[in-house]
């Protein structure tokens, strides 16, 4: 069942439409495909909002027996788009920077915790979650694939934690 081929697609939130994913459910298998190859499937803000909704809908409504995640293009994912951190929890209500560095730090900690929770849905799913990786699996993409139960990689797949190059620790506990 795909969003394009189902009369009741509107009744199945997991089918979208989504900015970052194409979703198909057929023969008990939910296939979630990253669909932004022109941007190397980087994890923009929409990615973080959409993934948990899709996975939890499939899981909570017993829509499939397993989930398969794959992507389009040369690379699986370039990881997190750094714009996700732009103001991510560090801005106050009027859009300016938080005046107190401790408030800003707490906002950033809260934001990172939210990002971690976005991948928890994969680990908490009642069914196995498989991921197929090709090309680069970088930064946050490694965290995402680590939250899956089974990882398949093509011969050309490579893995990289880019955070170390900008003197930043990986913010996720999955690695």
C-alpha atoms as a PDB file:
ATOM      1  CA  UNK A   1       0.000   0.000   0.000  1.00  0.00           C
ATOM      2  CA  UNK A   2       1.520   3.300  -1.019  1.00  0.00           C
ATOM      3  CA  UNK A   3       0.209   6.802  -0.585  1.00  0.00           C
ATOM      4  CA  UNK A   4      -0.194   7.070  -4.342  1.00  0.00           C
ATOM      5  CA  UNK A   5      -1.989   3.733  -4.724  1.00  0.00           C
ATOM      6  CA  UNK A   6      -4.259   3.652  -1.707  1.00  0.00           C
ATOM      7  CA  UNK A   7      -7.714   5.164  -1.439  1.00  0.00           C
ATOM      8  CA  UNK A   8      -7.368   5.333   2.319  1.00  0.00           C
ATOM      9  CA  UNK A   9      -3.856   6.867   2.422  1.00  0.00           C
ATOM     10  CA  UNK A  10      -5.230   9.859   4.326  1.00  0.00           C
ATOM     11  CA  UNK A  11      -6.294   7.470   7.072  1.00  0.00           C
ATOM     12  CA  UNK A  12      -2.711   6.221   7.465  1.00  0.00           C
ATOM     13  CA  UNK A  13      -0.524   9.052   8.783  1.00  0.00           C
ATOM     14  CA  UNK A  14       2.721   7.106   8.177  1.00  0.00           C
ATOM     15  CA  UNK A  15       2.196   7.336   4.417  1.00  0.00           C
ATOM     16  CA  UNK A  16       2.618  11.082   4.439  1.00  0.00           C
ATOM     17  CA  UNK A  17       3.212  13.127   2.324  1.00  0.00           C
ATOM     18  CA  UNK A  18       6.593  13.894   3.905  1.00  0.00           C
ATOM     19  CA  UNK A  19       9.444  16.268   3.073  1.00  0.00           C
ATOM     20  CA  UNK A  20      12.278  13.845   3.863  1.00  0.00           C
ATOM     21  CA  UNK A  21      10.767  10.386   3.409  1.00  0.00           C
ATOM     22  CA  UNK A  22       8.782   8.176   1.069  1.00  0.00           C
ATOM     23  CA  UNK A  23       6.872   5.467   2.921  1.00  0.00           C
ATOM     24  CA  UNK A  24       5.346   2.286   1.527  1.00  0.00           C
ATOM     25  CA  UNK A  25       3.681  -0.533   3.422  1.00  0.00           C
ATOM     26  CA  UNK A  26       3.272  -3.767   1.528  1.00  0.00           C
ATOM     27  CA  UNK A  27       3.038  -7.445   2.549  1.00  0.00           C
ATOM     28  CA  UNK A  28       3.737  -6.614   6.193  1.00  0.00           C
ATOM     29  CA  UNK A  29       6.892  -4.624   5.447  1.00  0.00           C
ATOM     30  CA  UNK A  30       7.085  -0.884   6.033  1.00  0.00           C
ATOM     31  CA  UNK A  31       9.730   0.699   3.792  1.00  0.00           C
ATOM     32  CA  UNK A  32      10.909   4.141   4.898  1.00  0.00           C
ATOM     33  CA  UNK A  33      13.148   5.745   2.279  1.00  0.00           C
ATOM     34  CA  UNK A  34      15.146   8.954   2.718  1.00  0.00           C
ATOM     35  CA  UNK A  35      14.327  10.996  -0.382  1.00  0.00           C
ATOM     36  CA  UNK A  36      16.601  14.031  -0.533  1.00  0.00           C
ATOM     37  CA  UNK A  37      19.594  12.763  -2.570  1.00  0.00           C
ATOM     38  CA  UNK A  38      20.352  16.247  -3.940  1.00  0.00           C
ATOM     39  CA  UNK A  39      21.170  17.247  -0.335  1.00  0.00           C
ATOM     40  CA  UNK A  40      22.856  13.912   0.461  1.00  0.00           C
ATOM     41  CA  UNK A  41      19.847  13.056   2.634  1.00  0.00           C
ATOM     42  CA  UNK A  42      21.041  15.455   5.303  1.00  0.00           C
ATOM     43  CA  UNK A  43      18.924  15.558   8.436  1.00  0.00           C
ATOM     44  CA  UNK A  44      17.113  18.888   8.290  1.00  0.00           C
ATOM     45  CA  UNK A  45      14.597  19.999  10.912  1.00  0.00           C
ATOM     46  CA  UNK A  46      11.731  18.297   9.014  1.00  0.00           C
ATOM     47  CA  UNK A  47      13.621  14.990   9.238  1.00  0.00           C
ATOM     48  CA  UNK A  48      13.622  15.152  13.043  1.00  0.00           C
ATOM     49  CA  UNK A  49       9.925  16.002  13.161  1.00  0.00           C
ATOM     50  CA  UNK A  50       8.832  13.381  10.619  1.00  0.00           C
ATOM     51  CA  UNK A  51      10.783  10.226  11.540  1.00  0.00           C
ATOM     52  CA  UNK A  52       9.249   9.657  15.007  1.00  0.00           C
ATOM     53  CA  UNK A  53       5.718  10.296  13.699  1.00  0.00           C
ATOM     54  CA  UNK A  54       6.173   7.760  10.887  1.00  0.00           C
ATOM     55  CA  UNK A  55       7.768   5.047  13.020  1.00  0.00           C
ATOM     56  CA  UNK A  56       5.355   5.455  15.935  1.00  0.00           C
ATOM     57  CA  UNK A  57       2.342   5.325  13.611  1.00  0.00           C
ATOM     58  CA  UNK A  58       3.593   2.086  12.046  1.00  0.00           C
ATOM     59  CA  UNK A  59       4.409   0.639  15.465  1.00  0.00           C
ATOM     60  CA  UNK A  60       1.399   1.803  17.489  1.00  0.00           C
ATOM     61  CA  UNK A  61      -1.159   0.867  14.834  1.00  0.00           C
ATOM     62  CA  UNK A  62       0.355  -2.544  13.965  1.00  0.00           C
ATOM     63  CA  UNK A  63       0.784  -1.584  10.307  1.00  0.00           C
ATOM     64  CA  UNK A  64       3.749  -3.908   9.608  1.00  0.00           C
ATOM     65  CA  UNK A  65       5.800  -6.847  10.857  1.00  0.00           C
ATOM     66  CA  UNK A  66       9.111  -5.085  10.208  1.00  0.00           C
ATOM     67  CA  UNK A  67      10.512  -1.738   9.115  1.00  0.00           C
ATOM     68  CA  UNK A  68      13.188  -1.334   6.445  1.00  0.00           C
ATOM     69  CA  UNK A  69      14.997   1.995   6.151  1.00  0.00           C
ATOM     70  CA  UNK A  70      16.988   2.898   3.037  1.00  0.00           C
ATOM     71  CA  UNK A  71      17.898   6.007   1.100  1.00  0.00           C
ATOM     72  CA  UNK A  72      18.262   7.373  -2.389  1.00  0.00           C
ATOM     73  CA  UNK A  73      21.360   8.739  -4.072  1.00  0.00           C
ATOM     74  CA  UNK A  74      25.075   8.171  -3.745  1.00  0.00           C
ATOM     75  CA  UNK A  75      25.178   8.374   0.056  1.00  0.00           C
ATOM     76  CA  UNK A  76      22.941   7.037   2.781  1.00  0.00           C
ATOM     77  CA  UNK A  77      23.087  10.335   4.682  1.00  0.00           C
ATOM     78  CA  UNK A  78      25.482  13.209   5.252  1.00  0.00           C
ATOM     79  CA  UNK A  79      24.144  13.414   8.811  1.00  0.00           C
ATOM     80  CA  UNK A  80      22.713  16.351  10.652  1.00  0.00           C
ATOM     81  CA  UNK A  81      22.272  19.648   8.875  1.00  0.00           C
ATOM     82  CA  UNK A  82      24.010  22.058  11.246  1.00  0.00           C
ATOM     83  CA  UNK A  83      21.103  24.495  10.830  1.00  0.00           C
ATOM     84  CA  UNK A  84      19.196  22.152  13.162  1.00  0.00           C
ATOM     85  CA  UNK A  85      21.375  23.560  15.939  1.00  0.00           C
ATOM     86  CA  UNK A  86      20.732  27.140  14.820  1.00  0.00           C
ATOM     87  CA  UNK A  87      18.742  28.512  17.707  1.00  0.00           C
ATOM     88  CA  UNK A  88      17.893  24.935  18.697  1.00  0.00           C
ATOM     89  CA  UNK A  89      16.897  25.527  22.268  1.00  0.00           C
ATOM     90  CA  UNK A  90      19.324  28.423  22.714  1.00  0.00           C
ATOM     91  CA  UNK A  91      17.006  31.273  21.721  1.00  0.00           C
ATOM     92  CA  UNK A  92      14.503  33.050  23.867  1.00  0.00           C
ATOM     93  CA  UNK A  93      10.890  33.766  22.941  1.00  0.00           C
ATOM     94  CA  UNK A  94      11.632  36.985  21.055  1.00  0.00           C
ATOM     95  CA  UNK A  95      14.134  35.248  18.769  1.00  0.00           C
ATOM     96  CA  UNK A  96      17.254  36.721  20.360  1.00  0.00           C
ATOM     97  CA  UNK A  97      20.002  34.794  22.059  1.00  0.00           C
ATOM     98  CA  UNK A  98      19.400  33.868  25.679  1.00  0.00           C
ATOM     99  CA  UNK A  99      21.037  36.511  27.879  1.00  0.00           C
ATOM    100  CA  UNK A 100      22.144  33.989  30.502  1.00  0.00           C
ATOM    101  CA  UNK A 101      24.712  31.445  29.306  1.00  0.00           C
ATOM    102  CA  UNK A 102      23.395  28.903  31.797  1.00  0.00           C
ATOM    103  CA  UNK A 103      19.887  29.219  30.395  1.00  0.00           C
ATOM    104  CA  UNK A 104      21.345  28.874  26.897  1.00  0.00           C
ATOM    105  CA  UNK A 105      23.294  25.752  27.931  1.00  0.00           C
ATOM    106  CA  UNK A 106      20.186  24.204  29.469  1.00  0.00           C
ATOM    107  CA  UNK A 107      18.237  24.992  26.305  1.00  0.00           C
ATOM    108  CA  UNK A 108      20.915  23.292  24.227  1.00  0.00           C
ATOM    109  CA  UNK A 109      20.909  20.243  26.546  1.00  0.00           C
ATOM    110  CA  UNK A 110      17.132  20.035  26.192  1.00  0.00           C
ATOM    111  CA  UNK A 111      17.414  20.280  22.391  1.00  0.00           C
ATOM    112  CA  UNK A 112      20.028  17.493  22.228  1.00  0.00           C
ATOM    113  CA  UNK A 113      17.834  15.319  24.451  1.00  0.00           C
ATOM    114  CA  UNK A 114      14.942  15.891  22.013  1.00  0.00           C
ATOM    115  CA  UNK A 115      17.180  14.853  19.091  1.00  0.00           C
ATOM    116  CA  UNK A 116      18.151  11.674  20.964  1.00  0.00           C
ATOM    117  CA  UNK A 117      14.489  10.901  21.598  1.00  0.00           C
ATOM    118  CA  UNK A 118      13.799  11.142  17.854  1.00  0.00           C
ATOM    119  CA  UNK A 119      15.926   8.007  17.326  1.00  0.00           C
ATOM    120  CA  UNK A 120      14.533   6.201  20.382  1.00  0.00           C
ATOM    121  CA  UNK A 121      11.421   5.341  18.361  1.00  0.00           C
ATOM    122  CA  UNK A 122      13.569   2.979  16.261  1.00  0.00           C
ATOM    123  CA  UNK A 123      14.961   1.198  19.303  1.00  0.00           C
ATOM    124  CA  UNK A 124      11.546   1.019  20.976  1.00  0.00           C
ATOM    125  CA  UNK A 125       9.622  -0.327  17.961  1.00  0.00           C
ATOM    126  CA  UNK A 126       7.966  -3.691  18.657  1.00  0.00           C
ATOM    127  CA  UNK A 127       9.141  -5.055  15.305  1.00  0.00           C
ATOM    128  CA  UNK A 128      12.661  -5.415  13.908  1.00  0.00           C
ATOM    129  CA  UNK A 129      14.074  -2.348  12.177  1.00  0.00           C
ATOM    130  CA  UNK A 130      16.526  -3.046   9.367  1.00  0.00           C
ATOM    131  CA  UNK A 131      18.622  -0.431   7.607  1.00  0.00           C
ATOM    132  CA  UNK A 132      20.361  -0.644   4.216  1.00  0.00           C
ATOM    133  CA  UNK A 133      23.392   1.646   3.969  1.00  0.00           C
ATOM    134  CA  UNK A 134      25.203   2.727   0.806  1.00  0.00           C
ATOM    135  CA  UNK A 135      27.980   5.262   0.408  1.00  0.00           C
ATOM    136  CA  UNK A 136      28.521   7.677   3.280  1.00  0.00           C
ATOM    137  CA  UNK A 137      26.867   7.196   6.654  1.00  0.00           C
ATOM    138  CA  UNK A 138      28.087  10.271   8.474  1.00  0.00           C
ATOM    139  CA  UNK A 139      27.608  11.774  11.922  1.00  0.00           C
ATOM    140  CA  UNK A 140      23.950  11.667  12.977  1.00  0.00           C
ATOM    141  CA  UNK A 141      23.272   8.988  10.357  1.00  0.00           C
ATOM    142  CA  UNK A 142      25.554   6.677  12.339  1.00  0.00           C
ATOM    143  CA  UNK A 143      23.448   7.381  15.406  1.00  0.00           C
ATOM    144  CA  UNK A 144      20.280   6.583  13.497  1.00  0.00           C
ATOM    145  CA  UNK A 145      21.627   3.312  12.098  1.00  0.00           C
ATOM    146  CA  UNK A 146      22.912   2.350  15.542  1.00  0.00           C
ATOM    147  CA  UNK A 147      19.358   2.565  16.861  1.00  0.00           C
ATOM    148  CA  UNK A 148      18.239  -0.025  14.273  1.00  0.00           C
ATOM    149  CA  UNK A 149      18.283  -3.765  14.994  1.00  0.00           C
ATOM    150  CA  UNK A 150      20.073  -4.950  11.855  1.00  0.00           C
ATOM    151  CA  UNK A 151      22.406  -2.993   9.564  1.00  0.00           C
ATOM    152  CA  UNK A 152      23.281  -4.043   6.008  1.00  0.00           C
ATOM    153  CA  UNK A 153      26.025  -2.130   4.220  1.00  0.00           C
ATOM    154  CA  UNK A 154      27.107  -2.179   0.591  1.00  0.00           C
ATOM    155  CA  UNK A 155      30.756  -2.729  -0.256  1.00  0.00           C
ATOM    156  CA  UNK A 156      31.222   1.009  -0.861  1.00  0.00           C
ATOM    157  CA  UNK A 157      29.679   2.065   2.465  1.00  0.00           C
ATOM    158  CA  UNK A 158      31.807   4.094   4.857  1.00  0.00           C
ATOM    159  CA  UNK A 159      31.140   5.470   8.323  1.00  0.00           C
ATOM    160  CA  UNK A 160      32.442   8.700   9.791  1.00  0.00           C
ATOM    161  CA  UNK A 161      31.937  10.700  12.971  1.00  0.00           C
ATOM    162  CA  UNK A 162      32.449  14.249  11.658  1.00  0.00           C
ATOM    163  CA  UNK A 163      31.877  15.903  15.027  1.00  0.00           C
ATOM    164  CA  UNK A 164      35.478  15.250  16.033  1.00  0.00           C
ATOM    165  CA  UNK A 165      36.691  17.484  13.183  1.00  0.00           C
ATOM    166  CA  UNK A 166      34.912  20.488  14.687  1.00  0.00           C
ATOM    167  CA  UNK A 167      35.937  19.634  18.278  1.00  0.00           C
ATOM    168  CA  UNK A 168      32.457  18.524  19.240  1.00  0.00           C
ATOM    169  CA  UNK A 169      31.508  15.321  21.005  1.00  0.00           C
ATOM    170  CA  UNK A 170      28.855  13.175  19.374  1.00  0.00           C
ATOM    171  CA  UNK A 171      25.651  14.221  21.160  1.00  0.00           C
ATOM    172  CA  UNK A 172      23.907  10.874  20.917  1.00  0.00           C
ATOM    173  CA  UNK A 173      24.234   7.902  23.222  1.00  0.00           C
ATOM    174  CA  UNK A 174      23.775   5.316  20.457  1.00  0.00           C
ATOM    175  CA  UNK A 175      27.413   5.105  19.321  1.00  0.00           C
END
